Amino acid sequence: MSLELDPSIHDKIVVLSKEGDDLSNGAHYSEARAKYIEALKLLPDHPSNWEAATWLFVAIGDTHFLSENFEKMMKAFSNAVQCPGGLGNPFIHLRLGQAYWELNELDKSADELTRAYMGGGMDIFMEDDPKYLEFLETRIEM
């Protein structure tokens, strides 16, 4: 069952997300994160029930990834995977695999990166440092 947000709340979340995206694109990650968190706080009780929470947690996690704060990144993406559409999402599994790699948890990294590869193919790796794909190639036959 997919819940629908009140249109006024949805519109506010869209505006805050766009502001966050613009800040993130300008490498203002902490300011972007504040916008995403502000948007997340607009969700009704049990935010993890809302599809919007999935993408807000992803956006928050991505600001941590770009800031190389991998522990906080892991928390945000772990929250995202608990939200609607999170489990099985190739991008979420990619970021989880990258975080585990950075935290030297290589078996968990290989598992998550494999999930990303199975769901998104080779293309999902093309935007980031090739070290993650190179690592995965040592763990599975591609």
Protein backbone atom coordinates (compact mmCIF):
# COMPACT_ATOMS: atom_id res chain seq x y z
CA MET A 1 0.00 0.00 0.00
CA SER A 2 1.38 3.36 -1.00
CA LEU A 3 0.43 6.30 1.17
CA GLU A 4 -0.18 9.68 -0.41
CA LEU A 5 1.02 12.87 1.20
CA ASP A 6 -1.14 15.90 1.66
CA PRO A 7 -0.46 18.02 -1.47
CA SER A 8 0.72 21.04 0.54
CA ILE A 9 3.26 18.92 2.43
CA HIS A 10 4.34 17.26 -0.81
CA ASP A 11 4.89 20.66 -2.42
CA LYS A 12 7.00 21.88 0.53
CA ILE A 13 9.10 18.71 0.39
CA VAL A 14 9.65 19.17 -3.35
CA VAL A 15 10.79 22.78 -2.85
CA LEU A 16 13.15 21.87 0.00
CA SER A 17 14.53 18.91 -1.98
CA LYS A 18 15.22 21.15 -4.98
CA GLU A 19 16.99 23.67 -2.72
CA GLY A 20 19.00 20.80 -1.25
CA ASP A 21 19.90 19.49 -4.70
CA ASP A 22 21.06 22.94 -5.80
CA LEU A 23 23.22 23.29 -2.69
CA SER A 24 24.64 19.79 -3.12
CA ASN A 25 25.47 20.48 -6.77
CA GLY A 26 27.42 23.49 -5.55
CA ALA A 27 29.34 21.30 -3.04
CA HIS A 28 27.53 22.89 -0.06
CA TYR A 29 26.87 19.51 1.50
CA SER A 30 26.03 20.46 5.08
CA GLU A 31 23.59 23.14 3.91
CA ALA A 32 22.04 20.67 1.46
CA ARG A 33 21.72 18.08 4.21
CA ALA A 34 19.90 20.63 6.40
CA LYS A 35 17.31 21.15 3.63
CA TYR A 36 16.77 17.40 3.22
CA ILE A 37 16.40 16.95 6.98
CA GLU A 38 13.94 19.83 7.10
CA ALA A 39 11.93 18.10 4.37
CA LEU A 40 12.12 14.75 6.19
CA LYS A 41 10.69 16.37 9.33
CA LEU A 42 7.59 17.38 7.36
CA LEU A 43 6.58 13.74 6.87
CA PRO A 44 3.77 12.49 9.11
CA ASP A 45 4.34 9.95 11.88
CA HIS A 46 6.48 6.96 10.96
CA PRO A 47 8.46 8.64 8.14
CA SER A 48 9.77 5.28 6.95
CA ASN A 49 6.25 4.51 5.65
CA TRP A 50 6.52 7.26 3.04
CA GLU A 51 8.16 6.93 -0.35
CA ALA A 52 9.49 10.47 0.01
CA ALA A 53 11.56 9.30 2.99
CA THR A 54 13.39 6.83 0.75
CA TRP A 55 14.74 9.56 -1.49
CA LEU A 56 15.34 12.03 1.31
CA PHE A 57 17.49 9.46 3.14
CA VAL A 58 19.29 8.77 -0.15
CA ALA A 59 19.93 12.48 -0.63
CA ILE A 60 21.18 12.85 2.95
CA GLY A 61 23.40 9.80 2.52
CA ASP A 62 24.78 11.13 -0.74
CA THR A 63 25.86 14.37 0.95
CA HIS A 64 27.73 12.24 3.48
CA PHE A 65 29.27 10.17 0.65
CA LEU A 66 30.45 13.30 -1.13
CA SER A 67 31.83 14.60 2.21
CA GLU A 68 33.53 11.23 2.81
CA ASN A 69 31.70 10.71 6.10
CA PHE A 70 31.10 7.02 5.52
CA GLU A 71 29.74 6.12 8.98
CA LYS A 72 26.93 8.69 8.70
CA MET A 73 26.43 7.73 5.07
CA MET A 74 25.88 4.14 6.18
CA LYS A 75 23.19 5.22 8.66
CA ALA A 76 21.30 7.24 6.04
CA PHE A 77 21.37 4.48 3.42
CA SER A 78 20.45 1.86 6.02
CA ASN A 79 17.38 3.99 6.77
CA ALA A 80 16.63 4.32 3.05
CA VAL A 81 16.63 0.54 2.57
CA GLN A 82 13.90 0.28 5.24
CA CYS A 83 11.60 2.66 3.34
CA PRO A 84 9.26 1.91 0.42
CA GLY A 85 11.23 0.88 -2.66
CA GLY A 86 14.53 0.90 -0.79
CA LEU A 87 15.32 -2.79 -0.60
CA GLY A 88 16.49 -3.93 -4.00
CA ASN A 89 17.14 -0.41 -5.28
CA PRO A 90 20.46 -0.68 -7.19
CA PHE A 91 21.65 2.83 -6.27
CA ILE A 92 21.02 2.28 -2.56
CA HIS A 93 22.90 -1.02 -2.69
CA LEU A 94 25.73 0.66 -4.60
CA ARG A 95 26.15 3.30 -1.93
CA LEU A 96 25.93 0.74 0.87
CA GLY A 97 28.62 -1.33 -0.88
CA GLN A 98 30.82 1.73 -1.28
CA ALA A 99 30.39 2.64 2.39
CA TYR A 100 31.28 -0.89 3.49
CA TRP A 101 34.34 -0.79 1.19
CA GLU A 102 35.46 2.51 2.70
CA LEU A 103 34.94 1.09 6.20
CA ASN A 104 36.99 -2.00 5.24
CA GLU A 105 34.09 -4.42 5.63
CA LEU A 106 34.89 -6.13 2.36
CA ASP A 107 32.55 -9.15 2.51
CA LYS A 108 29.57 -6.87 3.19
CA SER A 109 30.83 -4.53 0.47
CA ALA A 110 30.98 -7.36 -2.05
CA ASP A 111 27.45 -8.44 -1.14
CA GLU A 112 25.97 -4.96 -1.57
CA LEU A 113 27.96 -4.18 -4.72
CA THR A 114 26.79 -7.47 -6.21
CA ARG A 115 23.19 -6.48 -5.49
CA ALA A 116 23.84 -3.15 -7.22
CA TYR A 117 25.38 -4.89 -10.22
CA MET A 118 22.55 -7.44 -10.46
CA GLY A 119 19.94 -4.68 -10.37
CA GLY A 120 21.67 -1.92 -12.30
CA GLY A 121 24.31 -3.57 -14.43
CA MET A 122 27.72 -2.14 -15.21
CA ASP A 123 26.32 1.33 -15.88
CA ILE A 124 25.55 1.99 -12.22
CA PHE A 125 29.28 1.99 -11.47
CA MET A 126 30.25 4.45 -14.21
CA GLU A 127 29.65 7.69 -12.28
CA ASP A 128 31.97 6.89 -9.38
CA ASP A 129 35.57 5.98 -8.68
CA PRO A 130 36.47 2.79 -10.61
CA LYS A 131 37.96 1.24 -7.45
CA TYR A 132 34.55 -0.13 -6.44
CA LEU A 133 34.01 -1.93 -9.73
CA GLU A 134 37.61 -3.15 -9.75
CA PHE A 135 37.06 -4.60 -6.26
CA LEU A 136 33.82 -6.29 -7.31
CA GLU A 137 35.58 -7.86 -10.30
CA THR A 138 37.88 -9.64 -7.80
CA ARG A 139 34.83 -11.15 -6.05
CA ILE A 140 32.41 -12.16 -8.79
CA GLU A 141 32.60 -13.17 -12.43
CA MET A 142 31.28 -10.33 -14.57
